[in-house]
Amino acid sequence: MEAATARKIRVVVAKPGLDGHDRGAKIIARALRDAGMEVIYTGLHQTPEQIAETVIQEDADAVGLSILSGAHMTLVPKVVALLHAQGVDDVLVTVGGTIPADDIPELKELGVAEVFTPGAGTDEIVEFIRGAAKERHQRGE
């Protein structure tokens, strides 16, 4: 797994659904890029199918789903299911946005590694992704 640890961490930042506000996603994308990661920003109004396809095509280590529309309990499970259906079980899935605290445990049960709510610092997000990606590389995933 030497080659995987030598390359930059690749992160897809995606805006699923009809949510039209992407300022936070762009801030996160820039912070990840500034931290030395390779970021693929998909833009607004992505379907779960488009996001899963991008994650697979880009051989991403992580995907960050930014959702403010309230559709997280529909969109996130769909993205996770599509990745699993393609045999992609080694991608770190994170979610950011206006996610009610009551929904976080269910999202984590589905396989979401972490949920970042408004006020989460960019440094916290960068370190989480960096640490989780490093841990996965060391395990050989």
C-alpha atoms as a PDB file:
ATOM      1  CA  MET A   1       0.000   0.000   0.000  1.00  0.00           C
ATOM      2  CA  GLU A   2       3.071   2.205  -0.353  1.00  0.00           C
ATOM      3  CA  ALA A   3       1.687   4.060  -3.385  1.00  0.00           C
ATOM      4  CA  ALA A   4      -1.519   5.031  -1.579  1.00  0.00           C
ATOM      5  CA  THR A   5       0.339   6.648   1.312  1.00  0.00           C
ATOM      6  CA  ALA A   6       2.631   8.507  -1.087  1.00  0.00           C
ATOM      7  CA  ARG A   7      -0.176  10.191  -2.990  1.00  0.00           C
ATOM      8  CA  LYS A   8      -2.269  13.109  -1.849  1.00  0.00           C
ATOM      9  CA  ILE A   9      -5.500  12.390  -0.018  1.00  0.00           C
ATOM     10  CA  ARG A  10      -8.298  12.719  -2.609  1.00  0.00           C
ATOM     11  CA  VAL A  11     -11.586  14.170  -1.379  1.00  0.00           C
ATOM     12  CA  VAL A  12     -14.802  14.635  -3.309  1.00  0.00           C
ATOM     13  CA  VAL A  13     -16.883  17.531  -1.955  1.00  0.00           C
ATOM     14  CA  ALA A  14     -20.473  17.251  -3.149  1.00  0.00           C
ATOM     15  CA  LYS A  15     -23.763  19.104  -2.863  1.00  0.00           C
ATOM     16  CA  PRO A  16     -26.526  16.504  -3.266  1.00  0.00           C
ATOM     17  CA  GLY A  17     -30.097  17.427  -3.970  1.00  0.00           C
ATOM     18  CA  LEU A  18     -31.734  20.747  -4.675  1.00  0.00           C
ATOM     19  CA  ASP A  19     -29.895  22.805  -2.074  1.00  0.00           C
ATOM     20  CA  GLY A  20     -28.610  25.937  -3.824  1.00  0.00           C
ATOM     21  CA  HIS A  21     -26.231  27.278  -1.171  1.00  0.00           C
ATOM     22  CA  ASP A  22     -22.616  26.164  -1.529  1.00  0.00           C
ATOM     23  CA  ARG A  23     -20.548  28.731   0.322  1.00  0.00           C
ATOM     24  CA  GLY A  24     -19.735  26.303   3.150  1.00  0.00           C
ATOM     25  CA  ALA A  25     -18.800  23.539   0.723  1.00  0.00           C
ATOM     26  CA  LYS A  26     -16.445  25.903  -1.099  1.00  0.00           C
ATOM     27  CA  ILE A  27     -14.847  27.003   2.190  1.00  0.00           C
ATOM     28  CA  ILE A  28     -14.265  23.362   3.140  1.00  0.00           C
ATOM     29  CA  ALA A  29     -12.929  22.536  -0.331  1.00  0.00           C
ATOM     30  CA  ARG A  30     -10.433  25.396  -0.102  1.00  0.00           C
ATOM     31  CA  ALA A  31      -9.355  24.420   3.440  1.00  0.00           C
ATOM     32  CA  LEU A  32      -8.760  20.821   2.341  1.00  0.00           C
ATOM     33  CA  ARG A  33      -6.842  21.992  -0.730  1.00  0.00           C
ATOM     34  CA  ASP A  34      -4.775  24.412   1.388  1.00  0.00           C
ATOM     35  CA  ALA A  35      -3.952  21.459   3.670  1.00  0.00           C
ATOM     36  CA  GLY A  36      -2.409  19.628   0.697  1.00  0.00           C
ATOM     37  CA  MET A  37      -5.330  17.421  -0.283  1.00  0.00           C
ATOM     38  CA  GLU A  38      -6.594  16.956  -3.814  1.00  0.00           C
ATOM     39  CA  VAL A  39     -10.190  18.179  -3.910  1.00  0.00           C
ATOM     40  CA  ILE A  40     -12.806  17.423  -6.527  1.00  0.00           C
ATOM     41  CA  TYR A  41     -15.777  19.762  -6.079  1.00  0.00           C
ATOM     42  CA  THR A  42     -18.823  18.480  -7.946  1.00  0.00           C
ATOM     43  CA  GLY A  43     -20.878  21.668  -7.856  1.00  0.00           C
ATOM     44  CA  LEU A  44     -24.538  22.134  -7.018  1.00  0.00           C
ATOM     45  CA  HIS A  45     -27.544  19.870  -7.575  1.00  0.00           C
ATOM     46  CA  GLN A  46     -25.783  16.509  -7.790  1.00  0.00           C
ATOM     47  CA  THR A  47     -27.774  13.302  -7.702  1.00  0.00           C
ATOM     48  CA  PRO A  48     -26.590  10.492  -5.412  1.00  0.00           C
ATOM     49  CA  GLU A  49     -25.755   8.536  -8.583  1.00  0.00           C
ATOM     50  CA  GLN A  50     -23.545  11.347  -9.900  1.00  0.00           C
ATOM     51  CA  ILE A  51     -21.760  11.627  -6.559  1.00  0.00           C
ATOM     52  CA  ALA A  52     -21.106   7.881  -6.269  1.00  0.00           C
ATOM     53  CA  GLU A  53     -19.857   7.819  -9.865  1.00  0.00           C
ATOM     54  CA  THR A  54     -17.460  10.707  -9.178  1.00  0.00           C
ATOM     55  CA  VAL A  55     -16.133   9.060  -6.012  1.00  0.00           C
ATOM     56  CA  ILE A  56     -15.434   5.860  -7.959  1.00  0.00           C
ATOM     57  CA  GLN A  57     -13.976   7.562 -11.048  1.00  0.00           C
ATOM     58  CA  GLU A  58     -11.717   9.792  -8.969  1.00  0.00           C
ATOM     59  CA  ASP A  59     -10.571   6.921  -6.713  1.00  0.00           C
ATOM     60  CA  ALA A  60     -11.386   9.154  -3.749  1.00  0.00           C
ATOM     61  CA  ASP A  61     -10.273   8.468  -0.204  1.00  0.00           C
ATOM     62  CA  ALA A  62     -13.157  10.501   1.206  1.00  0.00           C
ATOM     63  CA  VAL A  63     -16.395  12.185   0.245  1.00  0.00           C
ATOM     64  CA  GLY A  64     -17.877  15.164   2.028  1.00  0.00           C
ATOM     65  CA  LEU A  65     -21.597  15.648   1.495  1.00  0.00           C
ATOM     66  CA  SER A  66     -22.798  19.182   2.221  1.00  0.00           C
ATOM     67  CA  ILE A  67     -26.527  19.346   2.883  1.00  0.00           C
ATOM     68  CA  LEU A  68     -28.595  22.273   4.117  1.00  0.00           C
ATOM     69  CA  SER A  69     -31.934  21.299   2.599  1.00  0.00           C
ATOM     70  CA  GLY A  70     -33.105  18.830   5.247  1.00  0.00           C
ATOM     71  CA  ALA A  71     -32.962  15.910   2.811  1.00  0.00           C
ATOM     72  CA  HIS A  72     -29.967  14.270   4.510  1.00  0.00           C
ATOM     73  CA  MET A  73     -31.919  11.213   5.699  1.00  0.00           C
ATOM     74  CA  THR A  74     -32.841  10.455   2.081  1.00  0.00           C
ATOM     75  CA  LEU A  75     -29.734  11.537   0.178  1.00  0.00           C
ATOM     76  CA  VAL A  76     -26.952  10.256   2.442  1.00  0.00           C
ATOM     77  CA  PRO A  77     -28.282   6.673   2.717  1.00  0.00           C
ATOM     78  CA  LYS A  78     -28.680   6.612  -1.070  1.00  0.00           C
ATOM     79  CA  VAL A  79     -25.056   7.679  -1.676  1.00  0.00           C
ATOM     80  CA  VAL A  80     -23.782   5.144   0.880  1.00  0.00           C
ATOM     81  CA  ALA A  81     -25.916   2.362  -0.663  1.00  0.00           C
ATOM     82  CA  LEU A  82     -24.724   3.180  -4.187  1.00  0.00           C
ATOM     83  CA  LEU A  83     -21.079   3.058  -3.078  1.00  0.00           C
ATOM     84  CA  HIS A  84     -21.606  -0.269  -1.302  1.00  0.00           C
ATOM     85  CA  ALA A  85     -23.432  -1.686  -4.336  1.00  0.00           C
ATOM     86  CA  GLN A  86     -20.285  -0.954  -6.375  1.00  0.00           C
ATOM     87  CA  GLY A  87     -18.087  -2.639  -3.765  1.00  0.00           C
ATOM     88  CA  VAL A  88     -16.693   0.663  -2.539  1.00  0.00           C
ATOM     89  CA  ASP A  89     -16.495   0.167   1.209  1.00  0.00           C
ATOM     90  CA  ASP A  90     -13.219   1.957   1.903  1.00  0.00           C
ATOM     91  CA  VAL A  91     -14.252   5.565   1.251  1.00  0.00           C
ATOM     92  CA  LEU A  92     -14.582   7.822   4.270  1.00  0.00           C
ATOM     93  CA  VAL A  93     -18.060   9.398   4.164  1.00  0.00           C
ATOM     94  CA  THR A  94     -18.562  12.672   6.023  1.00  0.00           C
ATOM     95  CA  VAL A  95     -21.588  14.940   6.135  1.00  0.00           C
ATOM     96  CA  GLY A  96     -21.732  18.641   6.854  1.00  0.00           C
ATOM     97  CA  GLY A  97     -24.577  21.092   7.173  1.00  0.00           C
ATOM     98  CA  THR A  98     -27.705  21.678   9.149  1.00  0.00           C
ATOM     99  CA  ILE A  99     -28.139  18.177  10.528  1.00  0.00           C
ATOM    100  CA  PRO A 100     -30.341  17.795  13.626  1.00  0.00           C
ATOM    101  CA  ALA A 101     -28.527  16.141  16.532  1.00  0.00           C
ATOM    102  CA  ASP A 102     -31.216  13.430  16.662  1.00  0.00           C
ATOM    103  CA  ASP A 103     -30.281  12.274  13.125  1.00  0.00           C
ATOM    104  CA  ILE A 104     -26.534  11.971  13.706  1.00  0.00           C
ATOM    105  CA  PRO A 105     -26.558   8.514  15.388  1.00  0.00           C
ATOM    106  CA  GLU A 106     -28.640   7.048  12.545  1.00  0.00           C
ATOM    107  CA  LEU A 107     -26.306   8.526   9.921  1.00  0.00           C
ATOM    108  CA  LYS A 108     -23.320   7.034  11.738  1.00  0.00           C
ATOM    109  CA  GLU A 109     -25.065   3.644  11.861  1.00  0.00           C
ATOM    110  CA  LEU A 110     -25.357   3.836   8.068  1.00  0.00           C
ATOM    111  CA  GLY A 111     -21.603   4.207   7.817  1.00  0.00           C
ATOM    112  CA  VAL A 112     -21.037   7.951   7.977  1.00  0.00           C
ATOM    113  CA  ALA A 113     -17.712   8.503   9.727  1.00  0.00           C
ATOM    114  CA  GLU A 114     -18.490  11.978  11.061  1.00  0.00           C
ATOM    115  CA  VAL A 115     -21.119  14.712  10.887  1.00  0.00           C
ATOM    116  CA  PHE A 116     -19.999  18.334  11.021  1.00  0.00           C
ATOM    117  CA  THR A 117     -22.675  20.822  11.999  1.00  0.00           C
ATOM    118  CA  PRO A 118     -22.578  24.625  11.620  1.00  0.00           C
ATOM    119  CA  GLY A 119     -19.737  26.044  13.641  1.00  0.00           C
ATOM    120  CA  ALA A 120     -17.367  23.140  13.042  1.00  0.00           C
ATOM    121  CA  GLY A 121     -13.915  24.546  12.360  1.00  0.00           C
ATOM    122  CA  THR A 122     -12.098  23.915   9.106  1.00  0.00           C
ATOM    123  CA  ASP A 123      -9.032  22.743  11.058  1.00  0.00           C
ATOM    124  CA  GLU A 124     -11.183  20.148  12.849  1.00  0.00           C
ATOM    125  CA  ILE A 125     -12.515  18.853   9.516  1.00  0.00           C
ATOM    126  CA  VAL A 126      -9.063  18.781   7.883  1.00  0.00           C
ATOM    127  CA  GLU A 127      -7.548  16.888  10.816  1.00  0.00           C
ATOM    128  CA  PHE A 128     -10.408  14.404  10.949  1.00  0.00           C
ATOM    129  CA  ILE A 129     -10.099  13.550   7.247  1.00  0.00           C
ATOM    130  CA  ARG A 130      -6.300  13.450   7.383  1.00  0.00           C
ATOM    131  CA  GLY A 131      -6.309  11.161  10.438  1.00  0.00           C
ATOM    132  CA  ALA A 132      -8.992   8.825   9.110  1.00  0.00           C
ATOM    133  CA  ALA A 133      -7.350   8.551   5.676  1.00  0.00           C
ATOM    134  CA  LYS A 134      -3.964   7.825   7.265  1.00  0.00           C
ATOM    135  CA  GLU A 135      -5.530   5.166   9.509  1.00  0.00           C
ATOM    136  CA  ARG A 136      -7.219   3.488   6.518  1.00  0.00           C
ATOM    137  CA  HIS A 137      -3.970   3.507   4.523  1.00  0.00           C
ATOM    138  CA  GLN A 138      -2.111   1.920   7.432  1.00  0.00           C
ATOM    139  CA  ARG A 139      -4.742  -0.846   7.634  1.00  0.00           C
ATOM    140  CA  GLY A 140      -4.318  -1.388   3.907  1.00  0.00           C
ATOM    141  CA  GLU A 141      -7.880  -0.538   2.903  1.00  0.00           C
END
